[in-house]
Amino acid sequence: MKKMTILFGFLLSIGAFSQDPFNAIVSVTNFDDGPLEEISVELLNTNGTFKKKGVTGSTGSFNVEMIPGKYIVKLSRNGELLKEAAVEIPELEGNRVYNNVSIQILYEERSVFTLDDLHFDTNSSVIKPDSFHMLDRLAEYLISEQGVKFEIAGHTDSDGADDANLTLSNNRAKAVRDYLIKRGVSSDQLVAKGYGEKEPVADNSTTEGKAKNRRTEIRRL
């Protein structure tokens, strides 16, 4: 079983003992794995000649028959180009061929989104290990958005002193930035800023509201 990164997401479940060309399920999701409907996906060769096309349905996916090679992949909706990138599905050596291929294209339409699976130690900027997988995926996404700048915005609830909350939120945003840079994201793409308790999205008088306010957001600048 192999795993490789392609385009804005991941190429999964590559095995052996199947025909060539192979069938692939192409899915388009946002960063929270929400399916994106009515997205047209075109696969062209590197000189721009059309090869394959599909449109995502309610599950955000469609089936397409492919062969290994170099592609230009274009995403569009209602005729408007959303994104394009080059991708290569390499030839496999020997008798190994592709089987049960699922291509996930990660496309984020929102200018601001919350990292819901990001967790820190209590009153600390130490990132918990169960957050690493999500941050690695975020790094893949940000690398695919080369040339675009993002702000990592840290927020807290209203418990504690204002100054302490501002410092904590800033340190957490910096910790996320440092992690992403170590995973290959350009430092020029990332700004870290803490807002403390200044921008609540819920009622700080409830436990649930406080949990929503303790968050880290990614903002496209």
N, C-alpha and C. Protein backbone atom coordinates (compact mmCIF):
# COMPACT_ATOMS: atom_id res chain seq x y z
N MET A 1 0.84 -1.18 0.00
CA MET A 1 0.00 0.00 0.00
C MET A 1 0.89 1.24 0.00
N LYS A 2 0.61 2.19 -0.90
CA LYS A 2 1.39 3.41 -0.97
C LYS A 2 0.48 4.60 -0.73
N LYS A 3 1.09 5.70 -0.35
CA LYS A 3 0.35 6.94 -0.20
C LYS A 3 1.19 8.06 -0.76
N MET A 4 0.58 8.91 -1.56
CA MET A 4 1.33 10.01 -2.13
C MET A 4 0.43 11.23 -2.21
N THR A 5 1.05 12.39 -2.16
CA THR A 5 0.30 13.63 -2.21
C THR A 5 0.16 14.08 -3.64
N ILE A 6 -1.06 14.47 -4.04
CA ILE A 6 -1.23 15.01 -5.37
C ILE A 6 -2.19 16.19 -5.30
N LEU A 7 -1.90 17.19 -6.07
CA LEU A 7 -2.74 18.37 -6.19
C LEU A 7 -2.96 19.01 -4.82
N PHE A 8 -4.24 19.14 -4.38
CA PHE A 8 -4.52 19.81 -3.13
C PHE A 8 -4.79 18.80 -2.03
N GLY A 9 -4.69 17.51 -2.33
CA GLY A 9 -5.07 16.51 -1.35
C GLY A 9 -4.22 15.29 -1.42
N PHE A 10 -4.86 14.12 -1.50
CA PHE A 10 -4.13 12.88 -1.34
C PHE A 10 -4.58 11.85 -2.35
N LEU A 11 -3.63 11.04 -2.80
CA LEU A 11 -3.92 9.88 -3.62
C LEU A 11 -3.78 8.66 -2.72
N LEU A 12 -4.87 7.93 -2.52
CA LEU A 12 -4.91 6.87 -1.52
C LEU A 12 -5.15 5.51 -2.17
N SER A 13 -4.87 4.46 -1.40
CA SER A 13 -5.25 3.08 -1.74
C SER A 13 -4.71 2.64 -3.09
N ILE A 14 -3.42 2.62 -3.22
CA ILE A 14 -2.79 2.13 -4.43
C ILE A 14 -2.29 0.72 -4.17
N GLY A 15 -2.73 -0.23 -4.99
CA GLY A 15 -2.34 -1.61 -4.77
C GLY A 15 -1.81 -2.26 -6.03
N ALA A 16 -2.05 -3.54 -6.18
CA ALA A 16 -1.51 -4.25 -7.32
C ALA A 16 -2.56 -5.19 -7.89
N PHE A 17 -2.18 -5.80 -9.05
CA PHE A 17 -2.98 -6.84 -9.68
C PHE A 17 -4.32 -6.30 -10.21
N SER A 18 -4.26 -5.33 -11.07
CA SER A 18 -5.45 -4.81 -11.72
C SER A 18 -5.09 -4.37 -13.12
N GLN A 19 -6.10 -3.96 -13.89
CA GLN A 19 -5.89 -3.56 -15.27
C GLN A 19 -5.29 -2.17 -15.35
N ASP A 20 -4.79 -1.85 -16.53
CA ASP A 20 -4.32 -0.52 -16.82
C ASP A 20 -4.95 -0.14 -18.15
N PRO A 21 -5.79 0.89 -18.25
CA PRO A 21 -6.05 1.94 -17.27
C PRO A 21 -6.83 1.47 -16.05
N PHE A 22 -6.92 2.37 -15.06
CA PHE A 22 -7.57 2.03 -13.81
C PHE A 22 -8.73 2.97 -13.54
N ASN A 23 -9.66 2.50 -12.73
CA ASN A 23 -10.78 3.34 -12.32
C ASN A 23 -10.39 4.12 -11.06
N ALA A 24 -10.76 5.40 -11.03
CA ALA A 24 -10.47 6.25 -9.88
C ALA A 24 -11.73 6.97 -9.43
N ILE A 25 -11.87 7.12 -8.14
CA ILE A 25 -12.92 7.95 -7.57
C ILE A 25 -12.30 9.30 -7.23
N VAL A 26 -12.78 10.35 -7.88
CA VAL A 26 -12.28 11.70 -7.64
C VAL A 26 -13.27 12.41 -6.72
N SER A 27 -12.79 12.93 -5.60
CA SER A 27 -13.66 13.66 -4.68
C SER A 27 -13.07 15.03 -4.40
N VAL A 28 -13.95 16.01 -4.24
CA VAL A 28 -13.54 17.38 -3.93
C VAL A 28 -14.17 17.77 -2.61
N THR A 29 -13.34 18.11 -1.63
CA THR A 29 -13.83 18.46 -0.30
C THR A 29 -13.15 19.74 0.18
N ASN A 30 -13.77 20.35 1.19
CA ASN A 30 -13.08 21.47 1.84
C ASN A 30 -12.21 20.92 2.96
N PHE A 31 -11.60 21.82 3.75
CA PHE A 31 -10.63 21.38 4.74
C PHE A 31 -11.27 20.55 5.84
N ASP A 32 -12.57 20.73 6.07
CA ASP A 32 -13.29 19.96 7.09
C ASP A 32 -13.88 18.67 6.53
N ASP A 33 -13.44 18.26 5.33
CA ASP A 33 -13.92 17.06 4.65
C ASP A 33 -15.38 17.18 4.20
N GLY A 34 -15.88 18.40 4.12
CA GLY A 34 -17.22 18.59 3.59
C GLY A 34 -17.22 18.48 2.08
N PRO A 35 -18.11 17.66 1.48
CA PRO A 35 -18.13 17.50 0.02
C PRO A 35 -18.57 18.77 -0.68
N LEU A 36 -17.93 19.08 -1.80
CA LEU A 36 -18.28 20.25 -2.60
C LEU A 36 -19.01 19.78 -3.86
N GLU A 37 -20.25 20.22 -4.04
CA GLU A 37 -21.07 19.80 -5.17
C GLU A 37 -20.88 20.72 -6.38
N GLU A 38 -21.25 20.17 -7.54
CA GLU A 38 -21.26 20.93 -8.79
C GLU A 38 -19.91 21.56 -9.11
N ILE A 39 -18.84 20.83 -8.78
CA ILE A 39 -17.49 21.25 -9.15
C ILE A 39 -17.07 20.45 -10.38
N SER A 40 -16.70 21.14 -11.44
CA SER A 40 -16.22 20.48 -12.64
C SER A 40 -14.71 20.27 -12.52
N VAL A 41 -14.28 19.04 -12.76
CA VAL A 41 -12.86 18.70 -12.70
C VAL A 41 -12.41 18.23 -14.08
N GLU A 42 -11.50 18.96 -14.69
CA GLU A 42 -10.96 18.61 -16.00
C GLU A 42 -9.54 18.08 -15.84
N LEU A 43 -9.24 17.01 -16.55
CA LEU A 43 -7.89 16.45 -16.60
C LEU A 43 -7.37 16.62 -18.02
N LEU A 44 -6.30 17.39 -18.16
CA LEU A 44 -5.71 17.65 -19.46
C LEU A 44 -4.27 17.17 -19.45
N ASN A 45 -3.73 16.87 -20.65
CA ASN A 45 -2.31 16.56 -20.66
C ASN A 45 -1.53 17.87 -20.60
N THR A 46 -0.22 17.79 -20.51
CA THR A 46 0.58 18.97 -20.22
C THR A 46 0.61 19.99 -21.36
N ASN A 47 0.19 19.60 -22.56
CA ASN A 47 0.10 20.59 -23.64
C ASN A 47 -1.30 21.17 -23.77
N GLY A 48 -2.18 20.84 -22.80
CA GLY A 48 -3.50 21.44 -22.76
C GLY A 48 -4.58 20.67 -23.49
N THR A 49 -4.27 19.48 -24.01
CA THR A 49 -5.26 18.69 -24.71
C THR A 49 -6.19 17.99 -23.73
N PHE A 50 -7.50 18.11 -23.95
CA PHE A 50 -8.49 17.53 -23.04
C PHE A 50 -8.36 16.02 -22.98
N LYS A 51 -8.47 15.47 -21.78
CA LYS A 51 -8.45 14.03 -21.60
C LYS A 51 -9.71 13.52 -20.93
N LYS A 52 -10.00 14.00 -19.73
CA LYS A 52 -11.14 13.50 -18.96
C LYS A 52 -11.83 14.66 -18.25
N LYS A 53 -13.11 14.46 -17.92
CA LYS A 53 -13.85 15.48 -17.19
C LYS A 53 -14.95 14.83 -16.38
N GLY A 54 -15.25 15.40 -15.22
CA GLY A 54 -16.35 14.93 -14.40
C GLY A 54 -16.88 16.06 -13.56
N VAL A 55 -18.10 15.90 -13.05
CA VAL A 55 -18.73 16.90 -12.20
C VAL A 55 -19.15 16.22 -10.90
N THR A 56 -18.82 16.84 -9.77
CA THR A 56 -19.13 16.24 -8.48
C THR A 56 -20.62 16.32 -8.18
N GLY A 57 -21.14 15.26 -7.55
CA GLY A 57 -22.53 15.22 -7.14
C GLY A 57 -22.68 15.52 -5.66
N SER A 58 -23.74 14.99 -5.05
CA SER A 58 -24.03 15.29 -3.65
C SER A 58 -22.96 14.76 -2.70
N THR A 59 -22.24 13.73 -3.13
CA THR A 59 -21.15 13.20 -2.31
C THR A 59 -19.83 13.90 -2.58
N GLY A 60 -19.84 14.84 -3.51
CA GLY A 60 -18.62 15.55 -3.86
C GLY A 60 -17.66 14.73 -4.69
N SER A 61 -18.17 13.68 -5.36
CA SER A 61 -17.26 12.79 -6.07
C SER A 61 -17.85 12.30 -7.39
N PHE A 62 -17.00 11.68 -8.21
CA PHE A 62 -17.43 11.02 -9.44
C PHE A 62 -16.36 9.99 -9.82
N ASN A 63 -16.71 9.09 -10.70
CA ASN A 63 -15.78 8.05 -11.16
C ASN A 63 -15.20 8.44 -12.51
N VAL A 64 -13.94 8.08 -12.72
CA VAL A 64 -13.29 8.37 -13.99
C VAL A 64 -12.24 7.30 -14.26
N GLU A 65 -12.05 6.97 -15.51
CA GLU A 65 -11.01 6.02 -15.90
C GLU A 65 -9.76 6.80 -16.27
N MET A 66 -8.61 6.39 -15.70
CA MET A 66 -7.36 7.12 -15.89
C MET A 66 -6.24 6.17 -16.25
N ILE A 67 -5.14 6.76 -16.70
CA ILE A 67 -3.89 6.03 -16.88
C ILE A 67 -2.79 6.84 -16.22
N PRO A 68 -1.68 6.21 -15.85
CA PRO A 68 -0.57 6.98 -15.29
C PRO A 68 -0.09 8.04 -16.28
N GLY A 69 0.41 9.14 -15.77
CA GLY A 69 0.90 10.20 -16.63
C GLY A 69 0.90 11.55 -15.94
N LYS A 70 1.25 12.57 -16.71
CA LYS A 70 1.28 13.93 -16.21
C LYS A 70 0.00 14.64 -16.65
N TYR A 71 -0.62 15.34 -15.69
CA TYR A 71 -1.89 16.01 -15.95
C TYR A 71 -1.86 17.46 -15.49
N ILE A 72 -2.67 18.28 -16.16
CA ILE A 72 -3.08 19.56 -15.61
C ILE A 72 -4.51 19.36 -15.13
N VAL A 73 -4.76 19.65 -13.86
CA VAL A 73 -6.09 19.47 -13.29
C VAL A 73 -6.69 20.85 -13.05
N LYS A 74 -7.90 21.05 -13.59
CA LYS A 74 -8.59 22.33 -13.45
C LYS A 74 -9.92 22.13 -12.72
N LEU A 75 -10.16 22.96 -11.72
CA LEU A 75 -11.44 22.96 -11.01
C LEU A 75 -12.21 24.22 -11.42
N SER A 76 -13.48 24.06 -11.72
CA SER A 76 -14.30 25.21 -12.07
C SER A 76 -15.73 24.98 -11.62
N ARG A 77 -16.48 26.06 -11.53
CA ARG A 77 -17.90 26.01 -11.20
C ARG A 77 -18.62 27.06 -12.02
N ASN A 78 -19.66 26.62 -12.73
CA ASN A 78 -20.44 27.52 -13.59
C ASN A 78 -19.54 28.29 -14.56
N GLY A 79 -18.54 27.58 -15.07
CA GLY A 79 -17.64 28.18 -16.06
C GLY A 79 -16.53 29.02 -15.48
N GLU A 80 -16.51 29.24 -14.17
CA GLU A 80 -15.47 30.06 -13.55
C GLU A 80 -14.36 29.17 -13.02
N LEU A 81 -13.13 29.42 -13.47
CA LEU A 81 -11.99 28.64 -13.03
C LEU A 81 -11.69 28.95 -11.57
N LEU A 82 -11.64 27.91 -10.74
CA LEU A 82 -11.36 28.06 -9.32
C LEU A 82 -9.90 27.82 -8.98
N LYS A 83 -9.32 26.82 -9.65
CA LYS A 83 -7.97 26.39 -9.27
C LYS A 83 -7.43 25.49 -10.37
N GLU A 84 -6.14 25.53 -10.59
CA GLU A 84 -5.50 24.55 -11.46
C GLU A 84 -4.10 24.26 -10.96
N ALA A 85 -3.65 23.05 -11.25
CA ALA A 85 -2.32 22.63 -10.80
C ALA A 85 -1.86 21.45 -11.63
N ALA A 86 -0.55 21.26 -11.67
CA ALA A 86 0.03 20.12 -12.36
C ALA A 86 0.17 18.96 -11.39
N VAL A 87 -0.05 17.74 -11.88
CA VAL A 87 0.07 16.56 -11.04
C VAL A 87 0.58 15.41 -11.90
N GLU A 88 1.34 14.53 -11.29
CA GLU A 88 1.84 13.36 -12.00
C GLU A 88 1.46 12.09 -11.25
N ILE A 89 0.87 11.15 -11.97
CA ILE A 89 0.63 9.81 -11.45
C ILE A 89 1.66 8.92 -12.14
N PRO A 90 2.71 8.54 -11.44
CA PRO A 90 3.84 7.88 -12.10
C PRO A 90 3.54 6.44 -12.52
N GLU A 91 4.27 6.00 -13.51
CA GLU A 91 4.24 4.60 -13.89
C GLU A 91 4.82 3.77 -12.75
N LEU A 92 4.23 2.60 -12.51
CA LEU A 92 4.76 1.70 -11.48
C LEU A 92 5.68 0.67 -12.13
N GLU A 93 6.70 0.27 -11.41
CA GLU A 93 7.69 -0.66 -11.95
C GLU A 93 7.19 -2.09 -11.89
N GLY A 94 7.76 -2.92 -12.78
CA GLY A 94 7.44 -4.34 -12.78
C GLY A 94 5.99 -4.62 -13.11
N ASN A 95 5.40 -5.57 -12.40
CA ASN A 95 4.01 -5.96 -12.62
C ASN A 95 3.02 -5.18 -11.76
N ARG A 96 3.51 -4.19 -11.03
CA ARG A 96 2.64 -3.45 -10.13
C ARG A 96 1.82 -2.43 -10.92
N VAL A 97 0.53 -2.36 -10.63
CA VAL A 97 -0.37 -1.43 -11.30
C VAL A 97 -1.30 -0.81 -10.27
N TYR A 98 -2.02 0.21 -10.67
CA TYR A 98 -2.92 0.91 -9.75
C TYR A 98 -4.25 0.17 -9.61
N ASN A 99 -4.77 0.19 -8.38
CA ASN A 99 -6.04 -0.49 -8.10
C ASN A 99 -6.75 0.23 -6.96
N ASN A 100 -8.08 0.36 -7.07
CA ASN A 100 -8.88 1.00 -6.01
C ASN A 100 -8.33 2.37 -5.64
N VAL A 101 -8.20 3.23 -6.63
CA VAL A 101 -7.61 4.54 -6.42
C VAL A 101 -8.67 5.56 -6.04
N SER A 102 -8.39 6.32 -5.01
CA SER A 102 -9.26 7.42 -4.60
C SER A 102 -8.43 8.69 -4.58
N ILE A 103 -8.81 9.68 -5.37
CA ILE A 103 -8.08 10.94 -5.45
C ILE A 103 -8.91 12.00 -4.73
N GLN A 104 -8.39 12.53 -3.64
CA GLN A 104 -9.08 13.57 -2.91
C GLN A 104 -8.46 14.91 -3.22
N ILE A 105 -9.26 15.82 -3.74
CA ILE A 105 -8.81 17.17 -4.04
C ILE A 105 -9.33 18.09 -2.95
N LEU A 106 -8.42 18.72 -2.26
CA LEU A 106 -8.78 19.63 -1.18
C LEU A 106 -8.85 21.04 -1.74
N TYR A 107 -10.04 21.63 -1.69
CA TYR A 107 -10.22 23.00 -2.15
C TYR A 107 -11.00 23.78 -1.11
N GLU A 108 -10.43 24.87 -0.65
CA GLU A 108 -11.08 25.65 0.42
C GLU A 108 -11.61 26.96 -0.14
N GLU A 109 -12.93 27.11 -0.11
CA GLU A 109 -13.57 28.32 -0.61
C GLU A 109 -13.63 29.42 0.44
N ARG A 110 -13.61 29.06 1.71
CA ARG A 110 -13.74 30.05 2.77
C ARG A 110 -12.46 30.85 2.96
N SER A 111 -12.58 32.11 3.26
CA SER A 111 -11.41 32.94 3.55
C SER A 111 -10.96 32.79 5.00
N VAL A 112 -11.87 32.28 5.86
CA VAL A 112 -11.55 32.03 7.26
C VAL A 112 -12.14 30.68 7.66
N PHE A 113 -11.34 29.81 8.29
CA PHE A 113 -11.89 28.57 8.82
C PHE A 113 -11.16 28.18 10.10
N THR A 114 -11.88 27.49 10.96
CA THR A 114 -11.36 27.12 12.28
C THR A 114 -10.73 25.73 12.25
N LEU A 115 -9.61 25.58 12.94
CA LEU A 115 -8.95 24.28 13.05
C LEU A 115 -9.57 23.53 14.24
N ASP A 116 -10.67 22.85 13.96
CA ASP A 116 -11.44 22.22 15.04
C ASP A 116 -10.70 21.10 15.74
N ASP A 117 -9.77 20.44 15.05
CA ASP A 117 -9.07 19.30 15.65
C ASP A 117 -7.71 19.68 16.22
N LEU A 118 -7.52 20.96 16.47
CA LEU A 118 -6.27 21.43 17.06
C LEU A 118 -6.43 21.56 18.57
N HIS A 119 -5.56 20.88 19.32
CA HIS A 119 -5.66 20.88 20.78
C HIS A 119 -4.31 21.22 21.41
N PHE A 120 -4.37 21.95 22.52
CA PHE A 120 -3.18 22.31 23.28
C PHE A 120 -3.31 21.78 24.71
N ASP A 121 -2.17 21.64 25.37
CA ASP A 121 -2.21 21.38 26.81
C ASP A 121 -2.88 22.57 27.50
N THR A 122 -3.52 22.34 28.63
CA THR A 122 -4.25 23.38 29.34
C THR A 122 -3.33 24.54 29.72
N ASN A 123 -3.79 25.76 29.38
CA ASN A 123 -3.03 26.99 29.67
C ASN A 123 -1.60 26.93 29.15
N SER A 124 -1.44 26.31 28.00
CA SER A 124 -0.11 26.09 27.43
C SER A 124 -0.17 26.25 25.92
N SER A 125 0.98 26.52 25.31
CA SER A 125 1.08 26.58 23.85
C SER A 125 1.66 25.30 23.27
N VAL A 126 1.76 24.25 24.10
CA VAL A 126 2.27 22.96 23.63
C VAL A 126 1.15 22.24 22.87
N ILE A 127 1.42 21.92 21.62
CA ILE A 127 0.42 21.25 20.78
C ILE A 127 0.35 19.77 21.14
N LYS A 128 -0.86 19.27 21.32
CA LYS A 128 -1.02 17.85 21.65
C LYS A 128 -0.76 16.99 20.41
N PRO A 129 -0.15 15.81 20.60
CA PRO A 129 0.18 14.94 19.47
C PRO A 129 -1.01 14.55 18.60
N ASP A 130 -2.23 14.50 19.18
CA ASP A 130 -3.37 14.10 18.36
C ASP A 130 -3.75 15.17 17.34
N SER A 131 -3.08 16.32 17.38
CA SER A 131 -3.32 17.39 16.41
C SER A 131 -2.36 17.33 15.23
N PHE A 132 -1.32 16.51 15.33
CA PHE A 132 -0.27 16.53 14.31
C PHE A 132 -0.79 16.13 12.93
N HIS A 133 -1.66 15.13 12.88
CA HIS A 133 -2.16 14.67 11.58
C HIS A 133 -2.90 15.79 10.85
N MET A 134 -3.74 16.52 11.58
CA MET A 134 -4.49 17.61 10.98
C MET A 134 -3.55 18.72 10.53
N LEU A 135 -2.54 19.04 11.33
CA LEU A 135 -1.59 20.08 10.96
C LEU A 135 -0.75 19.68 9.75
N ASP A 136 -0.43 18.40 9.64
CA ASP A 136 0.29 17.92 8.46
C ASP A 136 -0.56 18.11 7.21
N ARG A 137 -1.85 17.85 7.34
CA ARG A 137 -2.76 18.06 6.21
C ARG A 137 -2.85 19.55 5.87
N LEU A 138 -2.90 20.38 6.90
CA LEU A 138 -2.92 21.82 6.67
C LEU A 138 -1.66 22.28 5.95
N ALA A 139 -0.52 21.72 6.33
CA ALA A 139 0.74 22.07 5.66
C ALA A 139 0.67 21.72 4.18
N GLU A 140 0.10 20.55 3.84
CA GLU A 140 -0.05 20.17 2.44
C GLU A 140 -0.88 21.21 1.69
N TYR A 141 -1.97 21.63 2.31
CA TYR A 141 -2.85 22.61 1.69
C TYR A 141 -2.13 23.94 1.49
N LEU A 142 -1.43 24.43 2.50
CA LEU A 142 -0.77 25.72 2.41
C LEU A 142 0.36 25.70 1.38
N ILE A 143 1.07 24.59 1.29
CA ILE A 143 2.13 24.46 0.29
C ILE A 143 1.55 24.55 -1.11
N SER A 144 0.34 23.98 -1.30
CA SER A 144 -0.30 24.05 -2.61
C SER A 144 -0.78 25.45 -2.94
N GLU A 145 -0.85 26.33 -1.92
CA GLU A 145 -1.29 27.71 -2.10
C GLU A 145 -0.10 28.66 -2.08
N GLN A 146 0.99 28.28 -2.73
CA GLN A 146 2.20 29.09 -2.74
C GLN A 146 1.90 30.48 -3.29
N GLY A 147 2.46 31.47 -2.63
CA GLY A 147 2.24 32.85 -3.04
C GLY A 147 1.08 33.52 -2.32
N VAL A 148 0.27 32.74 -1.60
CA VAL A 148 -0.86 33.27 -0.85
C VAL A 148 -0.47 33.36 0.62
N LYS A 149 -0.76 34.48 1.25
CA LYS A 149 -0.42 34.65 2.66
C LYS A 149 -1.62 34.34 3.55
N PHE A 150 -1.33 33.78 4.72
CA PHE A 150 -2.36 33.41 5.68
C PHE A 150 -1.98 33.91 7.07
N GLU A 151 -3.00 34.25 7.82
CA GLU A 151 -2.80 34.58 9.23
C GLU A 151 -3.28 33.42 10.09
N ILE A 152 -2.46 33.03 11.05
CA ILE A 152 -2.87 32.06 12.07
C ILE A 152 -3.32 32.87 13.26
N ALA A 153 -4.62 32.84 13.54
CA ALA A 153 -5.21 33.70 14.56
C ALA A 153 -5.59 32.89 15.79
N GLY A 154 -4.98 33.21 16.94
CA GLY A 154 -5.28 32.52 18.18
C GLY A 154 -6.31 33.28 19.01
N HIS A 155 -7.22 32.53 19.64
CA HIS A 155 -8.29 33.13 20.45
C HIS A 155 -8.45 32.34 21.75
N THR A 156 -8.92 33.02 22.78
CA THR A 156 -9.20 32.37 24.06
C THR A 156 -10.62 32.70 24.51
N ASP A 157 -11.04 32.05 25.61
CA ASP A 157 -12.29 32.48 26.24
C ASP A 157 -11.96 33.63 27.20
N SER A 158 -12.93 34.02 28.01
CA SER A 158 -12.74 35.20 28.87
C SER A 158 -12.21 34.88 30.26
N ASP A 159 -11.98 33.60 30.55
CA ASP A 159 -11.43 33.25 31.87
C ASP A 159 -10.01 33.78 32.01
N GLY A 160 -9.68 34.30 33.17
CA GLY A 160 -8.33 34.77 33.41
C GLY A 160 -8.15 36.23 33.02
N ALA A 161 -6.93 36.72 33.23
CA ALA A 161 -6.62 38.12 32.96
C ALA A 161 -6.50 38.38 31.47
N ASP A 162 -6.89 39.56 31.05
CA ASP A 162 -6.83 39.92 29.62
C ASP A 162 -5.43 39.76 29.05
N ASP A 163 -4.44 40.29 29.78
CA ASP A 163 -3.05 40.24 29.28
C ASP A 163 -2.56 38.81 29.15
N ALA A 164 -2.91 37.98 30.13
CA ALA A 164 -2.48 36.57 30.08
C ALA A 164 -3.13 35.85 28.89
N ASN A 165 -4.39 36.14 28.64
CA ASN A 165 -5.08 35.51 27.51
C ASN A 165 -4.48 35.95 26.18
N LEU A 166 -4.12 37.23 26.09
CA LEU A 166 -3.51 37.73 24.86
C LEU A 166 -2.17 37.05 24.61
N THR A 167 -1.38 36.90 25.67
CA THR A 167 -0.08 36.24 25.54
C THR A 167 -0.25 34.77 25.16
N LEU A 168 -1.19 34.08 25.81
CA LEU A 168 -1.43 32.67 25.51
C LEU A 168 -1.86 32.49 24.07
N SER A 169 -2.80 33.30 23.60
CA SER A 169 -3.28 33.15 22.23
C SER A 169 -2.18 33.43 21.21
N ASN A 170 -1.32 34.39 21.52
CA ASN A 170 -0.22 34.71 20.62
C ASN A 170 0.79 33.58 20.58
N ASN A 171 1.10 33.01 21.74
CA ASN A 171 2.06 31.90 21.79
C ASN A 171 1.52 30.67 21.07
N ARG A 172 0.22 30.41 21.18
CA ARG A 172 -0.37 29.27 20.48
C ARG A 172 -0.33 29.47 18.97
N ALA A 173 -0.63 30.69 18.52
CA ALA A 173 -0.55 30.96 17.08
C ALA A 173 0.88 30.78 16.58
N LYS A 174 1.85 31.24 17.36
CA LYS A 174 3.26 31.08 16.97
C LYS A 174 3.66 29.61 16.95
N ALA A 175 3.15 28.81 17.89
CA ALA A 175 3.48 27.38 17.92
C ALA A 175 2.97 26.69 16.66
N VAL A 176 1.78 27.05 16.22
CA VAL A 176 1.23 26.47 14.99
C VAL A 176 2.07 26.90 13.80
N ARG A 177 2.44 28.17 13.74
CA ARG A 177 3.28 28.66 12.65
C ARG A 177 4.60 27.90 12.60
N ASP A 178 5.25 27.74 13.74
CA ASP A 178 6.53 27.04 13.80
C ASP A 178 6.38 25.60 13.30
N TYR A 179 5.30 24.94 13.70
CA TYR A 179 5.08 23.55 13.28
C TYR A 179 4.94 23.48 11.76
N LEU A 180 4.15 24.38 11.19
CA LEU A 180 3.90 24.35 9.75
C LEU A 180 5.17 24.65 8.95
N ILE A 181 5.99 25.56 9.46
CA ILE A 181 7.25 25.86 8.77
C ILE A 181 8.16 24.64 8.78
N LYS A 182 8.18 23.91 9.88
CA LYS A 182 8.98 22.68 9.95
C LYS A 182 8.47 21.63 8.96
N ARG A 183 7.21 21.72 8.58
CA ARG A 183 6.62 20.78 7.62
C ARG A 183 6.71 21.28 6.19
N GLY A 184 7.47 22.35 5.97
CA GLY A 184 7.76 22.78 4.61
C GLY A 184 7.02 24.00 4.10
N VAL A 185 6.15 24.58 4.92
CA VAL A 185 5.44 25.79 4.50
C VAL A 185 6.41 26.97 4.57
N SER A 186 6.37 27.84 3.57
CA SER A 186 7.25 29.00 3.55
C SER A 186 6.91 29.95 4.70
N SER A 187 7.92 30.42 5.39
CA SER A 187 7.69 31.37 6.48
C SER A 187 7.07 32.66 5.97
N ASP A 188 7.33 33.00 4.70
CA ASP A 188 6.77 34.22 4.12
C ASP A 188 5.26 34.15 3.96
N GLN A 189 4.70 32.92 3.97
CA GLN A 189 3.26 32.77 3.80
C GLN A 189 2.48 32.98 5.09
N LEU A 190 3.16 32.92 6.23
CA LEU A 190 2.45 32.79 7.50
C LEU A 190 2.70 33.95 8.45
N VAL A 191 1.64 34.49 8.98
CA VAL A 191 1.68 35.48 10.05
C VAL A 191 0.94 34.92 11.25
N ALA A 192 1.52 35.01 12.42
CA ALA A 192 0.88 34.52 13.64
C ALA A 192 0.47 35.71 14.50
N LYS A 193 -0.79 35.69 14.97
CA LYS A 193 -1.27 36.78 15.80
C LYS A 193 -2.27 36.27 16.82
N GLY A 194 -2.14 36.73 18.04
CA GLY A 194 -3.08 36.38 19.09
C GLY A 194 -4.07 37.51 19.36
N TYR A 195 -5.32 37.14 19.54
CA TYR A 195 -6.36 38.14 19.79
C TYR A 195 -6.94 38.02 21.21
N GLY A 196 -6.43 37.05 21.98
CA GLY A 196 -6.94 36.87 23.33
C GLY A 196 -8.43 36.62 23.33
N GLU A 197 -9.14 37.35 24.19
CA GLU A 197 -10.59 37.16 24.33
C GLU A 197 -11.39 38.22 23.57
N LYS A 198 -10.73 38.97 22.68
CA LYS A 198 -11.35 40.14 22.05
C LYS A 198 -12.38 39.81 20.98
N GLU A 199 -12.33 38.62 20.39
CA GLU A 199 -13.22 38.30 19.28
C GLU A 199 -14.00 37.01 19.55
N PRO A 200 -14.88 37.01 20.53
CA PRO A 200 -15.66 35.80 20.82
C PRO A 200 -16.66 35.50 19.71
N VAL A 201 -16.94 34.21 19.53
CA VAL A 201 -17.96 33.80 18.56
C VAL A 201 -19.16 33.17 19.28
N ALA A 202 -19.07 33.08 20.60
CA ALA A 202 -20.14 32.47 21.38
C ALA A 202 -20.17 33.12 22.77
N ASP A 203 -21.16 32.73 23.55
CA ASP A 203 -21.38 33.30 24.89
C ASP A 203 -20.37 32.74 25.88
N ASN A 204 -19.56 33.59 26.47
CA ASN A 204 -18.57 33.15 27.44
C ASN A 204 -19.15 32.77 28.80
N SER A 205 -20.46 32.90 28.96
CA SER A 205 -21.08 32.53 30.23
C SER A 205 -21.41 31.04 30.29
N THR A 206 -21.23 30.32 29.21
CA THR A 206 -21.52 28.89 29.18
C THR A 206 -20.25 28.10 28.86
N THR A 207 -20.23 26.87 29.32
CA THR A 207 -19.08 26.00 29.04
C THR A 207 -18.94 25.76 27.54
N GLU A 208 -20.06 25.52 26.88
CA GLU A 208 -20.03 25.28 25.44
C GLU A 208 -19.53 26.52 24.69
N GLY A 209 -19.99 27.68 25.12
CA GLY A 209 -19.55 28.90 24.47
C GLY A 209 -18.07 29.15 24.64
N LYS A 210 -17.57 28.90 25.84
CA LYS A 210 -16.13 29.07 26.08
C LYS A 210 -15.31 28.15 25.20
N ALA A 211 -15.77 26.92 25.03
CA ALA A 211 -15.04 25.96 24.19
C ALA A 211 -14.96 26.45 22.75
N LYS A 212 -16.04 27.07 22.26
CA LYS A 212 -16.05 27.60 20.90
C LYS A 212 -15.11 28.79 20.76
N ASN A 213 -15.00 29.57 21.81
CA ASN A 213 -14.14 30.75 21.77
C ASN A 213 -12.66 30.41 21.85
N ARG A 214 -12.33 29.29 22.47
CA ARG A 214 -10.94 28.83 22.51
C ARG A 214 -10.65 28.14 21.17
N ARG A 215 -10.14 28.88 20.24
CA ARG A 215 -10.01 28.35 18.88
C ARG A 215 -8.80 28.96 18.18
N THR A 216 -8.39 28.30 17.11
CA THR A 216 -7.35 28.83 16.22
C THR A 216 -7.93 28.86 14.82
N GLU A 217 -7.82 29.99 14.18
CA GLU A 217 -8.37 30.16 12.84
C GLU A 217 -7.26 30.37 11.81
N ILE A 218 -7.56 30.00 10.57
CA ILE A 218 -6.70 30.31 9.44
C ILE A 218 -7.43 31.34 8.60
N ARG A 219 -6.76 32.45 8.33
CA ARG A 219 -7.37 33.54 7.58
C ARG A 219 -6.53 33.84 6.34
N ARG A 220 -7.17 33.81 5.20
CA ARG A 220 -6.49 34.18 3.96
C ARG A 220 -6.35 35.70 3.91
N LEU A 221 -5.14 36.19 3.71
CA LEU A 221 -4.89 37.63 3.71
C LEU A 221 -4.95 38.21 2.30
